[in-house]
Amino acid sequence: MVQRYRRHKKEDAVVVVVVVVVVVVVVVVVVVVVVIVVVAVVVVVVVVVVVVVVVVVIVVVAVVVVVVVVVVVVVVVVVVAAVAVIEEEEEQEQEQEEQEE
């Protein structure tokens, strides 16, 4: 009877050790999987933020370029129109001077 008890005690100890090892392995695997998922989510969020920032920068640069081009075109048109008006006035003055003489 003592031998049976000792044998059962050893078997119980082995079962406890196996259960503890299995639980530890499962916990480690779960922790590793959770860490991998968290890292993946962080990487995806960082990539999305970087893409959004790049797109915003591209849009801002495009808008600035368009505004600069429009301003330059407007300035050129105004200058050309002003030069044309000034030349026309000078021609009219010359014609008036010629008519007066």
C-alpha atoms as a PDB file:
ATOM      1  CA  MET A   1       0.000   0.000   0.000  1.00  0.00           C
ATOM      2  CA  VAL A   2       2.866   2.310   0.752  1.00  0.00           C
ATOM      3  CA  GLN A   3       4.383   1.500  -2.627  1.00  0.00           C
ATOM      4  CA  ARG A   4       1.097   2.258  -4.363  1.00  0.00           C
ATOM      5  CA  TYR A   5       0.888   5.586  -2.559  1.00  0.00           C
ATOM      6  CA  ARG A   6       4.459   6.462  -3.513  1.00  0.00           C
ATOM      7  CA  ARG A   7       3.812   5.424  -7.095  1.00  0.00           C
ATOM      8  CA  HIS A   8       0.643   7.524  -7.202  1.00  0.00           C
ATOM      9  CA  LYS A   9       2.527  10.387  -5.592  1.00  0.00           C
ATOM     10  CA  LYS A  10       5.218  10.224  -8.294  1.00  0.00           C
ATOM     11  CA  GLU A  11       2.587  10.022 -11.025  1.00  0.00           C
ATOM     12  CA  ASP A  12       0.738  12.966  -9.509  1.00  0.00           C
ATOM     13  CA  ALA A  13       3.987  14.947  -9.369  1.00  0.00           C
ATOM     14  CA  VAL A  14       4.663  14.149 -13.027  1.00  0.00           C
ATOM     15  CA  VAL A  15       1.135  15.187 -13.962  1.00  0.00           C
ATOM     16  CA  VAL A  16       1.523  18.458 -12.041  1.00  0.00           C
ATOM     17  CA  VAL A  17       4.853  19.177 -13.733  1.00  0.00           C
ATOM     18  CA  VAL A  18       3.388  18.406 -17.164  1.00  0.00           C
ATOM     19  CA  VAL A  19       0.366  20.619 -16.479  1.00  0.00           C
ATOM     20  CA  VAL A  20       2.600  23.461 -15.262  1.00  0.00           C
ATOM     21  CA  VAL A  21       4.848  23.134 -18.322  1.00  0.00           C
ATOM     22  CA  VAL A  22       1.836  23.099 -20.657  1.00  0.00           C
ATOM     23  CA  VAL A  23       0.331  26.146 -18.931  1.00  0.00           C
ATOM     24  CA  VAL A  24       3.644  28.013 -19.096  1.00  0.00           C
ATOM     25  CA  VAL A  25       4.067  27.155 -22.787  1.00  0.00           C
ATOM     26  CA  VAL A  26       0.504  28.250 -23.557  1.00  0.00           C
ATOM     27  CA  VAL A  27       0.978  31.516 -21.641  1.00  0.00           C
ATOM     28  CA  VAL A  28       4.271  32.197 -23.433  1.00  0.00           C
ATOM     29  CA  VAL A  29       2.696  31.466 -26.822  1.00  0.00           C
ATOM     30  CA  VAL A  30      -0.272  33.723 -26.037  1.00  0.00           C
ATOM     31  CA  VAL A  31       2.036  36.525 -24.869  1.00  0.00           C
ATOM     32  CA  VAL A  32       4.183  36.183 -27.999  1.00  0.00           C
ATOM     33  CA  VAL A  33       1.102  36.227 -30.239  1.00  0.00           C
ATOM     34  CA  VAL A  34      -0.285  39.284 -28.429  1.00  0.00           C
ATOM     35  CA  VAL A  35       3.056  41.075 -28.737  1.00  0.00           C
ATOM     36  CA  ILE A  36       3.241  40.227 -32.460  1.00  0.00           C
ATOM     37  CA  VAL A  37      -0.312  41.485 -33.006  1.00  0.00           C
ATOM     38  CA  VAL A  38       0.362  44.699 -31.071  1.00  0.00           C
ATOM     39  CA  VAL A  39       3.580  45.317 -33.012  1.00  0.00           C
ATOM     40  CA  ALA A  40       1.766  44.633 -36.292  1.00  0.00           C
ATOM     41  CA  VAL A  41      -1.013  47.058 -35.369  1.00  0.00           C
ATOM     42  CA  VAL A  42       1.521  49.720 -34.371  1.00  0.00           C
ATOM     43  CA  VAL A  43       3.409  49.227 -37.643  1.00  0.00           C
ATOM     44  CA  VAL A  44       0.185  49.497 -39.647  1.00  0.00           C
ATOM     45  CA  VAL A  45      -0.831  52.652 -37.767  1.00  0.00           C
ATOM     46  CA  VAL A  46       2.605  54.201 -38.310  1.00  0.00           C
ATOM     47  CA  VAL A  47       2.505  53.336 -42.021  1.00  0.00           C
ATOM     48  CA  VAL A  48      -0.986  54.811 -42.366  1.00  0.00           C
ATOM     49  CA  VAL A  49       0.073  57.991 -40.548  1.00  0.00           C
ATOM     50  CA  VAL A  50       3.171  58.320 -42.746  1.00  0.00           C
ATOM     51  CA  VAL A  51       1.095  57.802 -45.903  1.00  0.00           C
ATOM     52  CA  VAL A  52      -1.462  60.386 -44.756  1.00  0.00           C
ATOM     53  CA  VAL A  53       1.289  62.890 -43.940  1.00  0.00           C
ATOM     54  CA  VAL A  54       2.940  62.321 -47.326  1.00  0.00           C
ATOM     55  CA  VAL A  55      -0.385  62.755 -49.134  1.00  0.00           C
ATOM     56  CA  VAL A  56      -1.128  65.944 -47.173  1.00  0.00           C
ATOM     57  CA  VAL A  57       2.327  67.323 -47.968  1.00  0.00           C
ATOM     58  CA  ILE A  58       1.893  66.492 -51.662  1.00  0.00           C
ATOM     59  CA  VAL A  59      -1.523  68.172 -51.722  1.00  0.00           C
ATOM     60  CA  VAL A  60      -0.209  71.265 -49.927  1.00  0.00           C
ATOM     61  CA  VAL A  61       2.751  71.524 -52.306  1.00  0.00           C
ATOM     62  CA  ALA A  62       0.438  71.100 -55.293  1.00  0.00           C
ATOM     63  CA  VAL A  63      -1.898  73.815 -54.001  1.00  0.00           C
ATOM     64  CA  VAL A  64       1.028  76.167 -53.368  1.00  0.00           C
ATOM     65  CA  VAL A  65       2.388  75.524 -56.874  1.00  0.00           C
ATOM     66  CA  VAL A  66      -1.033  76.168 -58.425  1.00  0.00           C
ATOM     67  CA  VAL A  67      -1.459  79.383 -56.418  1.00  0.00           C
ATOM     68  CA  VAL A  68       2.019  80.588 -57.409  1.00  0.00           C
ATOM     69  CA  VAL A  69       1.368  79.802 -61.079  1.00  0.00           C
ATOM     70  CA  VAL A  70      -1.983  81.603 -60.982  1.00  0.00           C
ATOM     71  CA  VAL A  71      -0.428  84.648 -59.288  1.00  0.00           C
ATOM     72  CA  VAL A  72       2.412  84.747 -61.830  1.00  0.00           C
ATOM     73  CA  VAL A  73      -0.032  84.458 -64.735  1.00  0.00           C
ATOM     74  CA  VAL A  74      -2.230  87.222 -63.309  1.00  0.00           C
ATOM     75  CA  VAL A  75       0.778  89.489 -62.750  1.00  0.00           C
ATOM     76  CA  VAL A  76       2.043  88.860 -66.293  1.00  0.00           C
ATOM     77  CA  VAL A  77      -1.392  89.558 -67.774  1.00  0.00           C
ATOM     78  CA  VAL A  78      -1.745  92.763 -65.742  1.00  0.00           C
ATOM     79  CA  VAL A  79       1.745  93.938 -66.719  1.00  0.00           C
ATOM     80  CA  VAL A  80       1.151  93.166 -70.404  1.00  0.00           C
ATOM     81  CA  ALA A  81      -2.207  94.956 -70.290  1.00  0.00           C
ATOM     82  CA  ALA A  82      -0.651  97.948 -68.531  1.00  0.00           C
ATOM     83  CA  VAL A  83       2.163  98.127 -71.085  1.00  0.00           C
ATOM     84  CA  ALA A  84      -0.371  97.923 -73.916  1.00  0.00           C
ATOM     85  CA  VAL A  85      -2.466 100.711 -72.384  1.00  0.00           C
ATOM     86  CA  ILE A  86       0.609 102.883 -71.848  1.00  0.00           C
ATOM     87  CA  GLU A  87       1.763 102.334 -75.445  1.00  0.00           C
ATOM     88  CA  GLU A  88      -1.703 103.134 -76.723  1.00  0.00           C
ATOM     89  CA  GLU A  89      -1.814 106.363 -74.707  1.00  0.00           C
ATOM     90  CA  GLU A  90       1.626 107.342 -76.002  1.00  0.00           C
ATOM     91  CA  GLU A  91       0.489 106.716 -79.573  1.00  0.00           C
ATOM     92  CA  GLN A  92      -2.608 108.834 -79.007  1.00  0.00           C
ATOM     93  CA  GLU A  93      -0.488 111.641 -77.544  1.00  0.00           C
ATOM     94  CA  GLN A  94       1.856 111.495 -80.527  1.00  0.00           C
ATOM     95  CA  GLU A  95      -1.102 111.618 -82.911  1.00  0.00           C
ATOM     96  CA  GLN A  96      -2.531 114.596 -81.047  1.00  0.00           C
ATOM     97  CA  GLU A  97       0.828 116.373 -81.158  1.00  0.00           C
ATOM     98  CA  GLU A  98       1.102 115.694 -84.883  1.00  0.00           C
ATOM     99  CA  GLN A  99      -2.418 116.978 -85.440  1.00  0.00           C
ATOM    100  CA  GLU A 100      -1.717 120.120 -83.428  1.00  0.00           C
ATOM    101  CA  GLU A 101       1.347 120.879 -85.506  1.00  0.00           C
END
